[in-house]
């Protein structure tokens, strides 16, 4: 394995661990997202995903369910974060 592959694999494991949450529904969506879409994410998307994972479970779940929107005042409320939420929503919708 090349060093870049080893680093990418380690990063994927780190994200998978961070996706283990207290809300079962959120845990399922995040774990599925990492297992199916992690490889396609670029560095900017990974940062946006990391920022979203810093949110409390209920806040993140509300964003994924679209019952709340990103507030523009939030420092991580970027176009990339909005795009990441759309990807997470597609996993949630495809899972049901």
PDB file of N, CA and C in Angstrom:
ATOM      1  N   UNK A   1       0.828  -1.181   0.000  1.00  0.00           N
ATOM      2  CA  UNK A   1       0.000   0.000   0.000  1.00  0.00           C
ATOM      3  C   UNK A   1       0.881   1.257   0.000  1.00  0.00           C
ATOM      4  N   UNK A   2       0.506   2.242  -0.748  1.00  0.00           N
ATOM      5  CA  UNK A   2       1.234   3.496  -0.773  1.00  0.00           C
ATOM      6  C   UNK A   2       0.929   4.295   0.483  1.00  0.00           C
ATOM      7  N   UNK A   3       1.813   5.209   0.818  1.00  0.00           N
ATOM      8  CA  UNK A   3       1.597   6.038   2.009  1.00  0.00           C
ATOM      9  C   UNK A   3       0.279   6.799   1.946  1.00  0.00           C
ATOM     10  N   UNK A   4      -0.070   7.319   0.774  1.00  0.00           N
ATOM     11  CA  UNK A   4      -1.329   8.056   0.628  1.00  0.00           C
ATOM     12  C   UNK A   4      -2.519   7.140   0.895  1.00  0.00           C
ATOM     13  N   UNK A   5      -2.434   5.898   0.441  1.00  0.00           N
ATOM     14  CA  UNK A   5      -3.521   4.945   0.691  1.00  0.00           C
ATOM     15  C   UNK A   5      -3.628   4.617   2.172  1.00  0.00           C
ATOM     16  N   UNK A   6      -2.489   4.474   2.836  1.00  0.00           N
ATOM     17  CA  UNK A   6      -2.480   4.190   4.271  1.00  0.00           C
ATOM     18  C   UNK A   6      -3.098   5.357   5.031  1.00  0.00           C
ATOM     19  N   UNK A   7      -2.718   6.577   4.660  1.00  0.00           N
ATOM     20  CA  UNK A   7      -3.285   7.762   5.317  1.00  0.00           C
ATOM     21  C   UNK A   7      -4.784   7.870   5.069  1.00  0.00           C
ATOM     22  N   UNK A   8      -5.208   7.608   3.855  1.00  0.00           N
ATOM     23  CA  UNK A   8      -6.637   7.682   3.524  1.00  0.00           C
ATOM     24  C   UNK A   8      -7.422   6.630   4.307  1.00  0.00           C
ATOM     25  N   UNK A   9      -6.868   5.427   4.421  1.00  0.00           N
ATOM     26  CA  UNK A   9      -7.508   4.363   5.179  1.00  0.00           C
ATOM     27  C   UNK A   9      -7.610   4.731   6.659  1.00  0.00           C
ATOM     28  N   UNK A  10      -6.550   5.296   7.202  1.00  0.00           N
ATOM     29  CA  UNK A  10      -6.562   5.727   8.607  1.00  0.00           C
ATOM     30  C   UNK A  10      -7.587   6.835   8.824  1.00  0.00           C
ATOM     31  N   UNK A  11      -7.668   7.747   7.873  1.00  0.00           N
ATOM     32  CA  UNK A  11      -8.644   8.840   7.974  1.00  0.00           C
ATOM     33  C   UNK A  11     -10.070   8.299   7.898  1.00  0.00           C
ATOM     34  N   UNK A  12     -10.298   7.323   7.039  1.00  0.00           N
ATOM     35  CA  UNK A  12     -11.626   6.727   6.938  1.00  0.00           C
ATOM     36  C   UNK A  12     -12.005   6.040   8.256  1.00  0.00           C
ATOM     37  N   UNK A  13     -11.073   5.347   8.864  1.00  0.00           N
ATOM     38  CA  UNK A  13     -11.344   4.708  10.165  1.00  0.00           C
ATOM     39  C   UNK A  13     -11.638   5.755  11.231  1.00  0.00           C
ATOM     40  N   UNK A  14     -10.908   6.876  11.202  1.00  0.00           N
ATOM     41  CA  UNK A  14     -11.141   7.954  12.170  1.00  0.00           C
ATOM     42  C   UNK A  14     -12.549   8.525  12.001  1.00  0.00           C
ATOM     43  N   UNK A  15     -12.932   8.774  10.760  1.00  0.00           N
ATOM     44  CA  UNK A  15     -14.277   9.292  10.515  1.00  0.00           C
ATOM     45  C   UNK A  15     -15.341   8.272  10.906  1.00  0.00           C
ATOM     46  N   UNK A  16     -15.121   7.016  10.599  1.00  0.00           N
ATOM     47  CA  UNK A  16     -16.093   5.974  10.975  1.00  0.00           C
ATOM     48  C   UNK A  16     -16.274   5.955  12.484  1.00  0.00           C
ATOM     49  N   UNK A  17     -15.192   6.118  13.218  1.00  0.00           N
ATOM     50  CA  UNK A  17     -15.291   6.147  14.682  1.00  0.00           C
ATOM     51  C   UNK A  17     -16.078   7.377  15.141  1.00  0.00           C
ATOM     52  N   UNK A  18     -15.818   8.540  14.536  1.00  0.00           N
ATOM     53  CA  UNK A  18     -16.530   9.769  14.910  1.00  0.00           C
ATOM     54  C   UNK A  18     -18.007   9.709  14.544  1.00  0.00           C
ATOM     55  N   UNK A  19     -18.364   8.824  13.613  1.00  0.00           N
ATOM     56  CA  UNK A  19     -19.759   8.696  13.189  1.00  0.00           C
ATOM     57  C   UNK A  19     -20.573   7.815  14.133  1.00  0.00           C
ATOM     58  N   UNK A  20     -19.941   7.206  15.094  1.00  0.00           N
ATOM     59  CA  UNK A  20     -20.669   6.417  16.087  1.00  0.00           C
ATOM     60  C   UNK A  20     -21.336   7.398  17.044  1.00  0.00           C
ATOM     61  N   UNK A  21     -22.647   7.437  17.006  1.00  0.00           N
ATOM     62  CA  UNK A  21     -23.392   8.451  17.747  1.00  0.00           C
ATOM     63  C   UNK A  21     -24.391   7.812  18.690  1.00  0.00           C
ATOM     64  N   UNK A  22     -24.989   8.656  19.525  1.00  0.00           N
ATOM     65  CA  UNK A  22     -25.979   8.189  20.487  1.00  0.00           C
ATOM     66  C   UNK A  22     -27.335   7.916  19.863  1.00  0.00           C
ATOM     67  N   UNK A  23     -27.672   8.626  18.804  1.00  0.00           N
ATOM     68  CA  UNK A  23     -28.937   8.396  18.101  1.00  0.00           C
ATOM     69  C   UNK A  23     -28.739   7.289  17.071  1.00  0.00           C
ATOM     70  N   UNK A  24     -29.480   6.215  17.210  1.00  0.00           N
ATOM     71  CA  UNK A  24     -29.320   5.068  16.317  1.00  0.00           C
ATOM     72  C   UNK A  24     -29.508   5.462  14.857  1.00  0.00           C
ATOM     73  N   UNK A  25     -30.538   6.255  14.568  1.00  0.00           N
ATOM     74  CA  UNK A  25     -30.814   6.652  13.194  1.00  0.00           C
ATOM     75  C   UNK A  25     -29.629   7.423  12.601  1.00  0.00           C
ATOM     76  N   UNK A  26     -29.079   8.320  13.390  1.00  0.00           N
ATOM     77  CA  UNK A  26     -27.936   9.110  12.948  1.00  0.00           C
ATOM     78  C   UNK A  26     -26.714   8.215  12.745  1.00  0.00           C
ATOM     79  N   UNK A  27     -26.508   7.317  13.666  1.00  0.00           N
ATOM     80  CA  UNK A  27     -25.408   6.360  13.574  1.00  0.00           C
ATOM     81  C   UNK A  27     -25.492   5.564  12.274  1.00  0.00           C
ATOM     82  N   UNK A  28     -26.670   5.077  11.953  1.00  0.00           N
ATOM     83  CA  UNK A  28     -26.865   4.272  10.734  1.00  0.00           C
ATOM     84  C   UNK A  28     -26.559   5.090   9.484  1.00  0.00           C
ATOM     85  N   UNK A  29     -27.099   6.292   9.402  1.00  0.00           N
ATOM     86  CA  UNK A  29     -26.892   7.140   8.224  1.00  0.00           C
ATOM     87  C   UNK A  29     -25.417   7.500   8.069  1.00  0.00           C
ATOM     88  N   UNK A  30     -24.784   7.912   9.158  1.00  0.00           N
ATOM     89  CA  UNK A  30     -23.386   8.323   9.074  1.00  0.00           C
ATOM     90  C   UNK A  30     -22.459   7.159   8.729  1.00  0.00           C
ATOM     91  N   UNK A  31     -22.690   6.004   9.346  1.00  0.00           N
ATOM     92  CA  UNK A  31     -21.848   4.842   9.051  1.00  0.00           C
ATOM     93  C   UNK A  31     -21.997   4.417   7.589  1.00  0.00           C
ATOM     94  N   UNK A  32     -23.225   4.424   7.103  1.00  0.00           N
ATOM     95  CA  UNK A  32     -23.454   4.061   5.705  1.00  0.00           C
ATOM     96  C   UNK A  32     -22.803   5.071   4.757  1.00  0.00           C
ATOM     97  N   UNK A  33     -22.909   6.342   5.114  1.00  0.00           N
ATOM     98  CA  UNK A  33     -22.293   7.389   4.312  1.00  0.00           C
ATOM     99  C   UNK A  33     -20.785   7.175   4.208  1.00  0.00           C
ATOM    100  N   UNK A  34     -20.143   6.926   5.331  1.00  0.00           N
ATOM    101  CA  UNK A  34     -18.691   6.727   5.321  1.00  0.00           C
ATOM    102  C   UNK A  34     -18.325   5.480   4.524  1.00  0.00           C
ATOM    103  N   UNK A  35     -19.080   4.419   4.695  1.00  0.00           N
ATOM    104  CA  UNK A  35     -18.722   3.183   3.993  1.00  0.00           C
ATOM    105  C   UNK A  35     -18.932   3.285   2.482  1.00  0.00           C
ATOM    106  N   UNK A  36     -19.903   4.087   2.038  1.00  0.00           N
ATOM    107  CA  UNK A  36     -20.219   4.144   0.611  1.00  0.00           C
ATOM    108  C   UNK A  36     -19.648   5.350  -0.121  1.00  0.00           C
ATOM    109  N   UNK A  37     -19.460   6.478   0.575  1.00  0.00           N
ATOM    110  CA  UNK A  37     -19.090   7.694  -0.145  1.00  0.00           C
ATOM    111  C   UNK A  37     -17.771   8.322   0.288  1.00  0.00           C
ATOM    112  N   UNK A  38     -17.155   7.794   1.319  1.00  0.00           N
ATOM    113  CA  UNK A  38     -15.932   8.420   1.832  1.00  0.00           C
ATOM    114  C   UNK A  38     -14.855   8.535   0.756  1.00  0.00           C
ATOM    115  N   UNK A  39     -14.662   7.500  -0.012  1.00  0.00           N
ATOM    116  CA  UNK A  39     -13.599   7.477  -1.026  1.00  0.00           C
ATOM    117  C   UNK A  39     -13.730   8.593  -2.056  1.00  0.00           C
ATOM    118  N   UNK A  40     -14.942   9.063  -2.284  1.00  0.00           N
ATOM    119  CA  UNK A  40     -15.153  10.081  -3.314  1.00  0.00           C
ATOM    120  C   UNK A  40     -15.012  11.512  -2.795  1.00  0.00           C
ATOM    121  N   UNK A  41     -14.826  11.684  -1.490  1.00  0.00           N
ATOM    122  CA  UNK A  41     -14.761  13.029  -0.913  1.00  0.00           C
ATOM    123  C   UNK A  41     -13.379  13.652  -1.099  1.00  0.00           C
ATOM    124  N   UNK A  42     -13.371  14.940  -1.432  1.00  0.00           N
ATOM    125  CA  UNK A  42     -12.106  15.657  -1.515  1.00  0.00           C
ATOM    126  C   UNK A  42     -11.798  16.291  -0.150  1.00  0.00           C
ATOM    127  N   UNK A  43     -10.680  16.956  -0.029  1.00  0.00           N
ATOM    128  CA  UNK A  43     -10.251  17.509   1.260  1.00  0.00           C
ATOM    129  C   UNK A  43     -11.213  18.575   1.787  1.00  0.00           C
ATOM    130  N   UNK A  44     -11.753  19.395   0.915  1.00  0.00           N
ATOM    131  CA  UNK A  44     -12.692  20.443   1.347  1.00  0.00           C
ATOM    132  C   UNK A  44     -13.974  19.798   1.873  1.00  0.00           C
ATOM    133  N   UNK A  45     -14.438  18.761   1.185  1.00  0.00           N
ATOM    134  CA  UNK A  45     -15.635  18.045   1.646  1.00  0.00           C
ATOM    135  C   UNK A  45     -15.375  17.328   2.965  1.00  0.00           C
ATOM    136  N   UNK A  46     -14.190  16.765   3.117  1.00  0.00           N
ATOM    137  CA  UNK A  46     -13.846  16.107   4.383  1.00  0.00           C
ATOM    138  C   UNK A  46     -13.858  17.105   5.534  1.00  0.00           C
ATOM    139  N   UNK A  47     -13.366  18.312   5.295  1.00  0.00           N
ATOM    140  CA  UNK A  47     -13.383  19.342   6.341  1.00  0.00           C
ATOM    141  C   UNK A  47     -14.819  19.724   6.693  1.00  0.00           C
ATOM    142  N   UNK A  48     -15.662  19.873   5.682  1.00  0.00           N
ATOM    143  CA  UNK A  48     -17.071  20.206   5.939  1.00  0.00           C
ATOM    144  C   UNK A  48     -17.755  19.078   6.707  1.00  0.00           C
ATOM    145  N   UNK A  49     -17.472  17.840   6.347  1.00  0.00           N
ATOM    146  CA  UNK A  49     -18.029  16.697   7.047  1.00  0.00           C
ATOM    147  C   UNK A  49     -17.542  16.673   8.493  1.00  0.00           C
ATOM    148  N   UNK A  50     -16.275  16.937   8.693  1.00  0.00           N
ATOM    149  CA  UNK A  50     -15.704  17.004  10.032  1.00  0.00           C
ATOM    150  C   UNK A  50     -16.387  18.087  10.863  1.00  0.00           C
ATOM    151  N   UNK A  51     -16.627  19.245  10.266  1.00  0.00           N
ATOM    152  CA  UNK A  51     -17.326  20.333  10.957  1.00  0.00           C
ATOM    153  C   UNK A  51     -18.739  19.909  11.351  1.00  0.00           C
ATOM    154  N   UNK A  52     -19.435  19.236  10.452  1.00  0.00           N
ATOM    155  CA  UNK A  52     -20.791  18.776  10.756  1.00  0.00           C
ATOM    156  C   UNK A  52     -20.782  17.747  11.889  1.00  0.00           C
ATOM    157  N   UNK A  53     -19.777  16.894  11.916  1.00  0.00           N
ATOM    158  CA  UNK A  53     -19.689  15.879  12.967  1.00  0.00           C
ATOM    159  C   UNK A  53     -19.442  16.492  14.346  1.00  0.00           C
ATOM    160  N   UNK A  54     -18.986  17.730  14.385  1.00  0.00           N
ATOM    161  CA  UNK A  54     -18.769  18.408  15.660  1.00  0.00           C
ATOM    162  C   UNK A  54     -20.077  18.866  16.305  1.00  0.00           C
ATOM    163  N   UNK A  55     -21.157  18.851  15.533  1.00  0.00           N
ATOM    164  CA  UNK A  55     -22.455  19.271  16.062  1.00  0.00           C
ATOM    165  C   UNK A  55     -23.024  18.217  17.013  1.00  0.00           C
ATOM    166  N   UNK A  56     -23.844  18.659  17.973  1.00  0.00           N
ATOM    167  CA  UNK A  56     -24.539  17.683  18.808  1.00  0.00           C
ATOM    168  C   UNK A  56     -25.467  16.808  17.962  1.00  0.00           C
ATOM    169  N   UNK A  57     -25.712  15.597  18.427  1.00  0.00           N
ATOM    170  CA  UNK A  57     -26.510  14.625  17.676  1.00  0.00           C
ATOM    171  C   UNK A  57     -27.843  15.191  17.195  1.00  0.00           C
ATOM    172  N   UNK A  58     -28.597  15.783  18.080  1.00  0.00           N
ATOM    173  CA  UNK A  58     -29.935  16.272  17.700  1.00  0.00           C
ATOM    174  C   UNK A  58     -29.859  17.371  16.649  1.00  0.00           C
ATOM    175  N   UNK A  59     -28.889  18.250  16.759  1.00  0.00           N
ATOM    176  CA  UNK A  59     -28.734  19.319  15.768  1.00  0.00           C
ATOM    177  C   UNK A  59     -28.359  18.749  14.402  1.00  0.00           C
ATOM    178  N   UNK A  60     -27.430  17.804  14.392  1.00  0.00           N
ATOM    179  CA  UNK A  60     -27.025  17.192  13.124  1.00  0.00           C
ATOM    180  C   UNK A  60     -28.178  16.410  12.505  1.00  0.00           C
ATOM    181  N   UNK A  61     -28.913  15.667  13.315  1.00  0.00           N
ATOM    182  CA  UNK A  61     -30.049  14.904  12.804  1.00  0.00           C
ATOM    183  C   UNK A  61     -31.107  15.836  12.221  1.00  0.00           C
ATOM    184  N   UNK A  62     -31.369  16.959  12.894  1.00  0.00           N
ATOM    185  CA  UNK A  62     -32.333  17.932  12.367  1.00  0.00           C
ATOM    186  C   UNK A  62     -31.881  18.491  11.017  1.00  0.00           C
ATOM    187  N   UNK A  63     -30.590  18.710  10.853  1.00  0.00           N
ATOM    188  CA  UNK A  63     -30.077  19.196   9.571  1.00  0.00           C
ATOM    189  C   UNK A  63     -30.211  18.133   8.485  1.00  0.00           C
ATOM    190  N   UNK A  64     -29.904  16.894   8.833  1.00  0.00           N
ATOM    191  CA  UNK A  64     -30.019  15.815   7.848  1.00  0.00           C
ATOM    192  C   UNK A  64     -31.477  15.596   7.455  1.00  0.00           C
ATOM    193  N   UNK A  65     -32.375  15.707   8.412  1.00  0.00           N
ATOM    194  CA  UNK A  65     -33.811  15.565   8.125  1.00  0.00           C
ATOM    195  C   UNK A  65     -34.412  16.799   7.468  1.00  0.00           C
ATOM    196  N   UNK A  66     -33.640  17.843   7.363  1.00  0.00           N
ATOM    197  CA  UNK A  66     -34.079  19.123   6.787  1.00  0.00           C
ATOM    198  C   UNK A  66     -35.183  19.767   7.608  1.00  0.00           C
ATOM    199  N   UNK A  67     -35.286  19.401   8.880  1.00  0.00           N
ATOM    200  CA  UNK A  67     -36.242  20.093   9.742  1.00  0.00           C
ATOM    201  C   UNK A  67     -35.637  21.403  10.252  1.00  0.00           C
ATOM    202  N   UNK A  68     -34.318  21.553  10.073  1.00  0.00           N
ATOM    203  CA  UNK A  68     -33.615  22.806  10.335  1.00  0.00           C
ATOM    204  C   UNK A  68     -32.645  23.037   9.187  1.00  0.00           C
ATOM    205  N   UNK A  69     -32.314  24.284   8.972  1.00  0.00           N
ATOM    206  CA  UNK A  69     -31.335  24.639   7.948  1.00  0.00           C
ATOM    207  C   UNK A  69     -30.081  25.172   8.611  1.00  0.00           C
ATOM    208  N   UNK A  70     -28.973  25.109   7.878  1.00  0.00           N
ATOM    209  CA  UNK A  70     -27.744  25.718   8.386  1.00  0.00           C
ATOM    210  C   UNK A  70     -27.966  27.209   8.558  1.00  0.00           C
ATOM    211  N   UNK A  71     -27.548  27.733   9.671  1.00  0.00           N
ATOM    212  CA  UNK A  71     -27.650  29.175   9.897  1.00  0.00           C
ATOM    213  C   UNK A  71     -26.427  29.838   9.288  1.00  0.00           C
ATOM    214  N   UNK A  72     -26.661  30.870   8.519  1.00  0.00           N
ATOM    215  CA  UNK A  72     -25.564  31.537   7.828  1.00  0.00           C
ATOM    216  C   UNK A  72     -24.536  32.111   8.790  1.00  0.00           C
ATOM    217  N   UNK A  73     -24.948  32.347  10.033  1.00  0.00           N
ATOM    218  CA  UNK A  73     -24.020  32.888  11.026  1.00  0.00           C
ATOM    219  C   UNK A  73     -23.014  31.846  11.510  1.00  0.00           C
ATOM    220  N   UNK A  74     -23.313  30.580  11.301  1.00  0.00           N
ATOM    221  CA  UNK A  74     -22.394  29.520  11.722  1.00  0.00           C
ATOM    222  C   UNK A  74     -21.111  29.616  10.886  1.00  0.00           C
ATOM    223  N   UNK A  75     -19.950  29.478  11.519  1.00  0.00           N
ATOM    224  CA  UNK A  75     -18.695  29.617  10.758  1.00  0.00           C
ATOM    225  C   UNK A  75     -18.504  28.539   9.695  1.00  0.00           C
ATOM    226  N   UNK A  76     -19.152  27.399   9.847  1.00  0.00           N
ATOM    227  CA  UNK A  76     -18.981  26.301   8.889  1.00  0.00           C
ATOM    228  C   UNK A  76     -20.127  26.224   7.887  1.00  0.00           C
ATOM    229  N   UNK A  77     -21.024  27.195   7.906  1.00  0.00           N
ATOM    230  CA  UNK A  77     -22.182  27.186   6.998  1.00  0.00           C
ATOM    231  C   UNK A  77     -21.737  27.646   5.613  1.00  0.00           C
ATOM    232  N   UNK A  78     -21.175  26.719   4.870  1.00  0.00           N
ATOM    233  CA  UNK A  78     -20.649  27.005   3.542  1.00  0.00           C
ATOM    234  C   UNK A  78     -21.451  26.235   2.494  1.00  0.00           C
ATOM    235  N   UNK A  79     -21.191  26.542   1.254  1.00  0.00           N
ATOM    236  CA  UNK A  79     -21.806  25.787   0.158  1.00  0.00           C
ATOM    237  C   UNK A  79     -21.404  24.321   0.252  1.00  0.00           C
ATOM    238  N   UNK A  80     -20.161  24.068   0.608  1.00  0.00           N
ATOM    239  CA  UNK A  80     -19.691  22.685   0.732  1.00  0.00           C
ATOM    240  C   UNK A  80     -20.432  21.961   1.842  1.00  0.00           C
ATOM    241  N   UNK A  81     -20.662  22.628   2.973  1.00  0.00           N
ATOM    242  CA  UNK A  81     -21.413  22.007   4.073  1.00  0.00           C
ATOM    243  C   UNK A  81     -22.838  21.711   3.624  1.00  0.00           C
ATOM    244  N   UNK A  82     -23.442  22.602   2.879  1.00  0.00           N
ATOM    245  CA  UNK A  82     -24.792  22.363   2.352  1.00  0.00           C
ATOM    246  C   UNK A  82     -24.793  21.177   1.398  1.00  0.00           C
ATOM    247  N   UNK A  83     -23.770  21.088   0.562  1.00  0.00           N
ATOM    248  CA  UNK A  83     -23.651  19.950  -0.351  1.00  0.00           C
ATOM    249  C   UNK A  83     -23.463  18.643   0.417  1.00  0.00           C
ATOM    250  N   UNK A  84     -22.691  18.693   1.484  1.00  0.00           N
ATOM    251  CA  UNK A  84     -22.482  17.496   2.308  1.00  0.00           C
ATOM    252  C   UNK A  84     -23.801  17.058   2.943  1.00  0.00           C
ATOM    253  N   UNK A  85     -24.586  18.008   3.392  1.00  0.00           N
ATOM    254  CA  UNK A  85     -25.895  17.670   3.965  1.00  0.00           C
ATOM    255  C   UNK A  85     -26.781  17.007   2.921  1.00  0.00           C
ATOM    256  N   UNK A  86     -26.716  17.478   1.680  1.00  0.00           N
ATOM    257  CA  UNK A  86     -27.504  16.845   0.618  1.00  0.00           C
ATOM    258  C   UNK A  86     -27.058  15.398   0.400  1.00  0.00           C
ATOM    259  N   UNK A  87     -25.761  15.159   0.450  1.00  0.00           N
ATOM    260  CA  UNK A  87     -25.255  13.786   0.310  1.00  0.00           C
ATOM    261  C   UNK A  87     -25.725  12.920   1.474  1.00  0.00           C
ATOM    262  N   UNK A  88     -25.689  13.472   2.680  1.00  0.00           N
ATOM    263  CA  UNK A  88     -26.157  12.726   3.853  1.00  0.00           C
ATOM    264  C   UNK A  88     -27.655  12.454   3.755  1.00  0.00           C
ATOM    265  N   UNK A  89     -28.392  13.429   3.259  1.00  0.00           N
ATOM    266  CA  UNK A  89     -29.841  13.231   3.090  1.00  0.00           C
ATOM    267  C   UNK A  89     -30.133  12.132   2.073  1.00  0.00           C
ATOM    268  N   UNK A  90     -29.327  12.071   1.027  1.00  0.00           N
ATOM    269  CA  UNK A  90     -29.558  11.028   0.021  1.00  0.00           C
ATOM    270  C   UNK A  90     -29.309   9.645   0.613  1.00  0.00           C
ATOM    271  N   UNK A  91     -28.343   9.515   1.503  1.00  0.00           N
ATOM    272  CA  UNK A  91     -28.109   8.234   2.183  1.00  0.00           C
ATOM    273  C   UNK A  91     -29.302   7.897   3.046  1.00  0.00           C
ATOM    274  N   UNK A  92     -29.813   8.885   3.779  1.00  0.00           N
ATOM    275  CA  UNK A  92     -30.978   8.656   4.649  1.00  0.00           C
ATOM    276  C   UNK A  92     -32.176   8.235   3.839  1.00  0.00           C
ATOM    277  N   UNK A  93     -32.409   8.903   2.715  1.00  0.00           N
ATOM    278  CA  UNK A  93     -33.576   8.571   1.902  1.00  0.00           C
ATOM    279  C   UNK A  93     -33.442   7.209   1.242  1.00  0.00           C
ATOM    280  N   UNK A  94     -32.246   6.848   0.832  1.00  0.00           N
ATOM    281  CA  UNK A  94     -32.026   5.555   0.197  1.00  0.00           C
ATOM    282  C   UNK A  94     -32.034   4.411   1.195  1.00  0.00           C
ATOM    283  N   UNK A  95     -31.791   4.746   2.460  1.00  0.00           N
ATOM    284  CA  UNK A  95     -31.759   3.705   3.483  1.00  0.00           C
ATOM    285  C   UNK A  95     -33.169   3.274   3.880  1.00  0.00           C
ATOM    286  N   UNK A  96     -34.123   4.192   3.839  1.00  0.00           N
ATOM    287  CA  UNK A  96     -35.504   3.887   4.284  1.00  0.00           C
ATOM    288  C   UNK A  96     -36.245   3.038   3.296  1.00  0.00           C
TER     289      UNK A  96
END
